[in-house]
């Protein structure tokens, strides 16, 4: 696989994921949309697991990891899908761009990692100031934008906490096995959420756009995107990987404006700019590697 192609694929998939989430949740209930997406993703992962004969650990430690990852996945996605109904899709990508910052904070507090240098703390403060500006914005067309923003922020926080918890367990297993186990644990919870929210009723008139968005997220968003991301991490330095988190929100904002006629108030743009500046400062040491030649890709 070509590394540049994989890199571009990650940016394209992650840039379009927020818009696809919003479209899928608008054409069907948010609980059905996320449940259907994860069901498709789980089916593909199981098929790949058998086709590639990948080992699937089922030790007590592995089961604990699947449980933690699956629970954090379920809570994070339910909050994000509900919040996506009330805020611009591009803003979802901006908020999830804060994930490396919160992951670093949790890792410092929980794992004792010395990652919070004065420069990184300054970047975190700038980004949080931007997030504060975004809260309470009178986003056009929705009176519950503050709750929607809070839901997406909570979903991003749960995801970051889950990542650090998984790292704390330090289980050696393939990404495919972890993804399959996590989806296997989360799937009954998504079905339960669908049962409670919609009495397990299928959408009576799901649109073609919503159905296509669900399939797109199940195949590309849940499986291909993460596979390409792990491939990029393996072959590129930290600076080039960190650049993905800076490019993706900008691309998502442009797509939201172009394809979904989304409007962001001036104060919202200030908040978004502060988040981008804070993230850049936080990842500055990694981004400095961009001045150096990229290492040759492993065969």
Protein backbone atom coordinates (compact mmCIF):
# COMPACT_ATOMS: atom_id res chain seq x y z
CA UNK A 1 0.00 0.00 0.00
CA UNK A 2 1.27 3.50 -0.84
CA UNK A 3 1.90 5.58 2.29
CA UNK A 4 0.81 8.89 0.64
CA UNK A 5 -2.41 7.21 -0.55
CA UNK A 6 -3.10 5.89 2.95
CA UNK A 7 -2.36 9.32 4.43
CA UNK A 8 -4.73 11.03 2.00
CA UNK A 9 -7.34 8.33 2.66
CA UNK A 10 -7.28 9.01 6.40
CA UNK A 11 -7.77 12.74 5.83
CA UNK A 12 -10.62 12.20 3.37
CA UNK A 13 -12.44 9.67 5.57
CA UNK A 14 -12.05 11.62 8.80
CA UNK A 15 -13.02 14.88 7.08
CA UNK A 16 -16.25 13.39 5.74
CA UNK A 17 -17.18 11.36 8.85
CA UNK A 18 -18.84 14.24 10.80
CA UNK A 19 -21.02 15.18 7.82
CA UNK A 20 -21.94 11.52 7.24
CA UNK A 21 -22.88 11.18 10.94
CA UNK A 22 -25.18 14.17 10.68
CA UNK A 23 -26.79 12.96 7.46
CA UNK A 24 -27.32 9.44 8.81
CA UNK A 25 -28.86 10.73 12.05
CA UNK A 26 -31.15 13.16 10.20
CA UNK A 27 -32.53 10.55 7.84
CA UNK A 28 -33.12 8.06 10.67
CA UNK A 29 -33.10 8.25 14.45
CA UNK A 30 -29.66 8.76 15.94
CA UNK A 31 -29.87 5.48 17.90
CA UNK A 32 -30.74 3.46 14.77
CA UNK A 33 -28.05 5.22 12.70
CA UNK A 34 -25.22 4.43 15.11
CA UNK A 35 -26.51 0.89 15.80
CA UNK A 36 -26.69 0.08 12.08
CA UNK A 37 -23.24 1.54 11.45
CA UNK A 38 -21.64 -0.53 14.19
CA UNK A 39 -23.44 -3.69 13.08
CA UNK A 40 -21.97 -3.29 9.59
CA UNK A 41 -18.53 -2.60 11.07
CA UNK A 42 -18.71 -5.66 13.34
CA UNK A 43 -19.75 -7.94 10.48
CA UNK A 44 -16.82 -6.76 8.35
CA UNK A 45 -14.36 -7.13 11.24
CA UNK A 46 -15.50 -10.71 11.93
CA UNK A 47 -15.14 -11.61 8.26
CA UNK A 48 -11.65 -10.09 8.15
CA UNK A 49 -10.71 -11.89 11.35
CA UNK A 50 -11.54 -15.26 9.80
CA UNK A 51 -10.21 -14.41 6.34
CA UNK A 52 -6.82 -13.31 7.66
CA UNK A 53 -6.75 -15.91 10.46
CA UNK A 54 -5.86 -13.17 12.92
CA UNK A 55 -5.47 -14.32 16.52
CA UNK A 56 -8.30 -13.24 18.80
CA UNK A 57 -7.12 -13.28 22.44
CA UNK A 58 -9.83 -14.21 24.94
CA UNK A 59 -7.88 -14.20 28.18
CA UNK A 60 -9.29 -12.39 31.25
CA UNK A 61 -7.04 -9.40 30.42
CA UNK A 62 -8.30 -9.36 26.82
CA UNK A 63 -11.93 -9.55 27.92
CA UNK A 64 -11.34 -6.65 30.30
CA UNK A 65 -9.87 -4.59 27.46
CA UNK A 66 -12.79 -5.38 25.14
CA UNK A 67 -15.25 -4.41 27.87
CA UNK A 68 -13.59 -1.07 28.59
CA UNK A 69 -13.09 -0.22 24.92
CA UNK A 70 -16.62 -1.31 23.98
CA UNK A 71 -18.25 0.67 26.78
CA UNK A 72 -16.29 3.84 26.00
CA UNK A 73 -17.06 3.40 22.28
CA UNK A 74 -20.79 3.04 22.95
CA UNK A 75 -21.06 6.06 25.26
CA UNK A 76 -18.86 8.24 23.04
CA UNK A 77 -20.76 7.44 19.83
CA UNK A 78 -24.25 7.81 21.33
CA UNK A 79 -23.35 11.25 22.69
CA UNK A 80 -21.70 12.30 19.44
CA UNK A 81 -24.58 11.13 17.24
CA UNK A 82 -27.14 12.95 19.39
CA UNK A 83 -25.03 16.10 19.50
CA UNK A 84 -24.56 16.00 15.72
CA UNK A 85 -28.26 16.77 15.32
CA UNK A 86 -27.81 20.20 16.91
CA UNK A 87 -24.48 21.67 15.76
CA UNK A 88 -22.68 22.09 12.40
CA UNK A 89 -20.89 18.93 11.28
CA UNK A 90 -17.56 20.73 10.89
CA UNK A 91 -17.65 21.71 14.54
CA UNK A 92 -17.71 18.02 15.49
CA UNK A 93 -14.34 17.55 13.81
CA UNK A 94 -12.95 20.64 15.55
CA UNK A 95 -14.05 19.34 18.97
CA UNK A 96 -12.58 15.89 18.34
CA UNK A 97 -9.37 17.65 17.36
CA UNK A 98 -9.02 18.33 21.09
CA UNK A 99 -8.72 14.60 21.76
CA UNK A 100 -4.87 14.49 21.73
CA UNK A 101 -4.82 17.29 24.32
CA UNK A 102 -7.19 15.54 26.71
CA UNK A 103 -5.47 12.21 26.13
CA UNK A 104 -2.21 13.84 27.18
CA UNK A 105 -3.82 15.23 30.34
CA UNK A 106 -5.33 11.86 31.30
CA UNK A 107 -2.03 10.10 30.56
CA UNK A 108 -0.17 12.53 32.81
CA UNK A 109 -2.67 12.15 35.64
CA UNK A 110 -3.28 8.40 35.37
CA UNK A 111 -0.16 6.91 33.82
CA UNK A 112 2.35 9.34 35.28
CA UNK A 113 3.63 10.34 31.84
CA UNK A 114 5.60 13.59 31.82
CA UNK A 115 3.93 15.01 28.75
CA UNK A 116 2.52 18.27 30.15
CA UNK A 117 5.37 20.69 29.55
CA UNK A 118 4.77 24.44 30.07
CA UNK A 119 4.40 24.84 26.31
CA UNK A 120 1.81 22.09 26.11
CA UNK A 121 -0.10 23.47 29.10
CA UNK A 122 -0.21 26.86 27.32
CA UNK A 123 -1.53 25.21 24.17
CA UNK A 124 -4.17 23.38 26.21
CA UNK A 125 -5.26 26.65 27.86
CA UNK A 126 -5.57 28.40 24.48
CA UNK A 127 -7.61 25.52 23.03
CA UNK A 128 -9.93 25.43 26.04
CA UNK A 129 -10.45 29.18 25.69
CA UNK A 130 -11.55 28.55 22.12
CA UNK A 131 -13.92 25.83 23.27
CA UNK A 132 -15.39 28.22 25.87
CA UNK A 133 -16.09 30.74 23.10
CA UNK A 134 -17.87 28.08 21.07
CA UNK A 135 -20.22 27.14 23.91
CA UNK A 136 -23.52 28.96 23.84
CA UNK A 137 -23.22 30.11 20.25
CA UNK A 138 -26.55 30.94 18.60
CA UNK A 139 -26.01 28.36 15.88
CA UNK A 140 -28.58 28.97 13.13
CA UNK A 141 -31.64 26.73 13.12
CA UNK A 142 -31.27 25.06 16.50
CA UNK A 143 -32.07 26.25 20.00
CA UNK A 144 -30.28 23.38 21.78
CA UNK A 145 -26.81 23.95 20.33
CA UNK A 146 -25.25 24.33 23.76
CA UNK A 147 -26.49 20.89 24.79
CA UNK A 148 -25.38 19.48 21.44
CA UNK A 149 -21.90 20.95 21.87
CA UNK A 150 -21.73 19.62 25.43
CA UNK A 151 -22.75 16.14 24.23
CA UNK A 152 -20.00 16.04 21.58
CA UNK A 153 -17.41 17.35 24.06
CA UNK A 154 -18.50 14.66 26.54
CA UNK A 155 -18.26 12.02 23.79
CA UNK A 156 -14.74 13.16 22.89
CA UNK A 157 -13.76 13.12 26.58
CA UNK A 158 -15.04 9.57 27.05
CA UNK A 159 -13.10 8.47 23.96
CA UNK A 160 -9.87 10.03 25.26
CA UNK A 161 -10.36 8.44 28.68
CA UNK A 162 -11.00 5.06 27.06
CA UNK A 163 -7.78 5.31 25.02
CA UNK A 164 -5.70 6.00 28.13
CA UNK A 165 -7.43 3.19 30.02
CA UNK A 166 -6.64 0.78 27.19
CA UNK A 167 -3.02 1.94 27.19
CA UNK A 168 -2.89 1.33 30.95
CA UNK A 169 -3.90 -2.31 30.40
CA UNK A 170 -1.00 -2.70 27.93
CA UNK A 171 -2.36 -5.80 26.18
CA UNK A 172 -0.53 -7.01 23.09
CA UNK A 173 -3.11 -7.72 20.42
CA UNK A 174 -3.74 -6.74 16.81
CA UNK A 175 -5.82 -3.65 16.09
CA UNK A 176 -8.31 -5.85 14.21
CA UNK A 177 -8.80 -8.10 17.23
CA UNK A 178 -9.26 -5.14 19.57
CA UNK A 179 -11.72 -3.48 17.20
CA UNK A 180 -13.70 -6.71 16.80
CA UNK A 181 -13.82 -7.38 20.53
CA UNK A 182 -14.81 -3.79 21.29
CA UNK A 183 -17.62 -3.84 18.74
CA UNK A 184 -18.77 -7.21 20.05
CA UNK A 185 -19.16 -5.73 23.53
CA UNK A 186 -20.68 -2.46 22.32
CA UNK A 187 -23.21 -3.99 19.92
CA UNK A 188 -25.72 -5.22 22.55
CA UNK A 189 -25.52 -1.79 24.20
CA UNK A 190 -26.30 -0.05 20.92
CA UNK A 191 -29.26 -2.38 20.41
CA UNK A 192 -30.45 -1.59 23.95
CA UNK A 193 -30.16 2.15 23.26
CA UNK A 194 -32.21 1.68 20.07
CA UNK A 195 -34.81 -0.27 22.05
CA UNK A 196 -35.09 2.41 24.73
CA UNK A 197 -35.03 5.40 22.37
CA UNK A 198 -37.15 4.06 19.49
CA UNK A 199 -38.76 0.87 20.82
CA UNK A 200 -36.64 -0.99 18.21
CA UNK A 201 -38.74 0.46 15.39
CA UNK A 202 -37.16 0.59 11.94
CA UNK A 203 -37.25 4.03 10.28
CA UNK A 204 -40.44 4.11 8.17
CA UNK A 205 -39.04 6.31 5.41
CA UNK A 206 -35.26 6.34 5.60
CA UNK A 207 -33.80 8.45 2.80
CA UNK A 208 -31.26 7.24 0.27
CA UNK A 209 -28.76 9.78 1.60
CA UNK A 210 -29.16 8.54 5.18
CA UNK A 211 -28.86 4.89 4.15
CA UNK A 212 -25.76 5.59 2.07
CA UNK A 213 -24.22 7.54 4.98
CA UNK A 214 -24.79 4.62 7.36
CA UNK A 215 -23.15 2.16 4.96
CA UNK A 216 -20.30 4.58 4.30
CA UNK A 217 -19.62 4.96 8.02
CA UNK A 218 -19.91 1.22 8.66
CA UNK A 219 -17.41 0.31 5.94
CA UNK A 220 -15.06 3.28 5.65
CA UNK A 221 -15.53 5.16 8.91
CA UNK A 222 -15.38 2.15 11.22
CA UNK A 223 -13.00 -0.25 9.46
CA UNK A 224 -11.02 1.22 6.55
CA UNK A 225 -10.31 4.56 8.25
CA UNK A 226 -8.73 3.04 11.34
CA UNK A 227 -6.83 0.43 9.31
CA UNK A 228 -5.28 3.19 7.20
CA UNK A 229 -4.55 5.27 10.31
CA UNK A 230 -2.64 2.44 12.00
CA UNK A 231 -0.74 1.90 8.74
CA UNK A 232 0.21 5.60 8.62
CA UNK A 233 1.34 5.55 12.27
CA UNK A 234 3.61 2.60 11.48
CA UNK A 235 5.31 4.28 8.53
CA UNK A 236 5.48 8.01 9.35
CA UNK A 237 6.94 10.13 12.15
CA UNK A 238 4.82 11.80 14.82
CA UNK A 239 4.88 15.23 13.15
CA UNK A 240 3.26 14.05 9.96
CA UNK A 241 0.68 12.05 11.89
CA UNK A 242 -0.12 15.07 14.08
CA UNK A 243 -0.68 17.14 10.95
CA UNK A 244 -3.76 15.01 10.21
CA UNK A 245 -5.47 16.44 13.32
CA UNK A 246 -4.84 19.97 12.02
CA UNK A 247 -5.92 19.41 8.41
CA UNK A 248 -9.05 17.33 9.11
CA UNK A 249 -11.10 20.00 10.98
CA UNK A 250 -10.44 22.58 8.26
CA UNK A 251 -11.52 20.16 5.53
CA UNK A 252 -14.61 19.16 7.54
CA UNK A 253 -15.62 22.80 8.00
CA UNK A 254 -15.28 23.48 4.27
CA UNK A 255 -17.30 20.36 3.41
CA UNK A 256 -20.04 21.36 5.87
CA UNK A 257 -20.32 24.80 4.30
CA UNK A 258 -20.22 23.50 0.73
CA UNK A 259 -22.40 20.38 0.96
CA UNK A 260 -24.63 21.16 3.94
CA UNK A 261 -24.99 24.96 3.77
CA UNK A 262 -23.70 25.31 7.32
CA UNK A 263 -23.10 28.78 8.74
CA UNK A 264 -20.74 29.51 11.62
CA UNK A 265 -20.96 32.89 13.42
CA UNK A 266 -17.90 35.11 13.67
CA UNK A 267 -17.37 34.34 17.36
CA UNK A 268 -17.50 30.65 16.54
CA UNK A 269 -14.69 31.09 13.99
CA UNK A 270 -12.60 32.84 16.66
CA UNK A 271 -13.10 29.86 18.95
CA UNK A 272 -12.18 27.45 16.17
CA UNK A 273 -9.03 29.45 15.38
CA UNK A 274 -8.00 29.37 19.06
CA UNK A 275 -8.50 25.60 19.19
CA UNK A 276 -6.33 25.20 16.09
CA UNK A 277 -3.63 27.47 17.53
CA UNK A 278 -3.70 25.64 20.86
CA UNK A 279 -3.43 22.25 19.18
CA UNK A 280 -0.54 23.49 17.02
CA UNK A 281 1.32 24.72 20.09
CA UNK A 282 0.57 21.48 21.94
CA UNK A 283 1.99 19.40 19.07
CA UNK A 284 4.76 21.84 18.20
CA UNK A 285 7.65 19.50 19.00
CA UNK A 286 6.15 16.80 16.79
CA UNK A 287 5.37 19.28 14.01
CA UNK A 288 9.00 20.45 13.98
CA UNK A 289 9.86 17.05 12.54
CA UNK A 290 8.19 18.15 9.31
CA UNK A 291 11.37 20.08 8.49
CA UNK A 292 13.28 16.83 8.39
CA UNK A 293 13.14 14.35 5.51
CA UNK A 294 10.52 11.65 6.02
CA UNK A 295 12.00 8.23 6.89
CA UNK A 296 11.84 5.58 4.23
CA UNK A 297 8.72 3.43 4.48
CA UNK A 298 9.16 -0.08 5.82
CA UNK A 299 8.58 -2.80 3.24
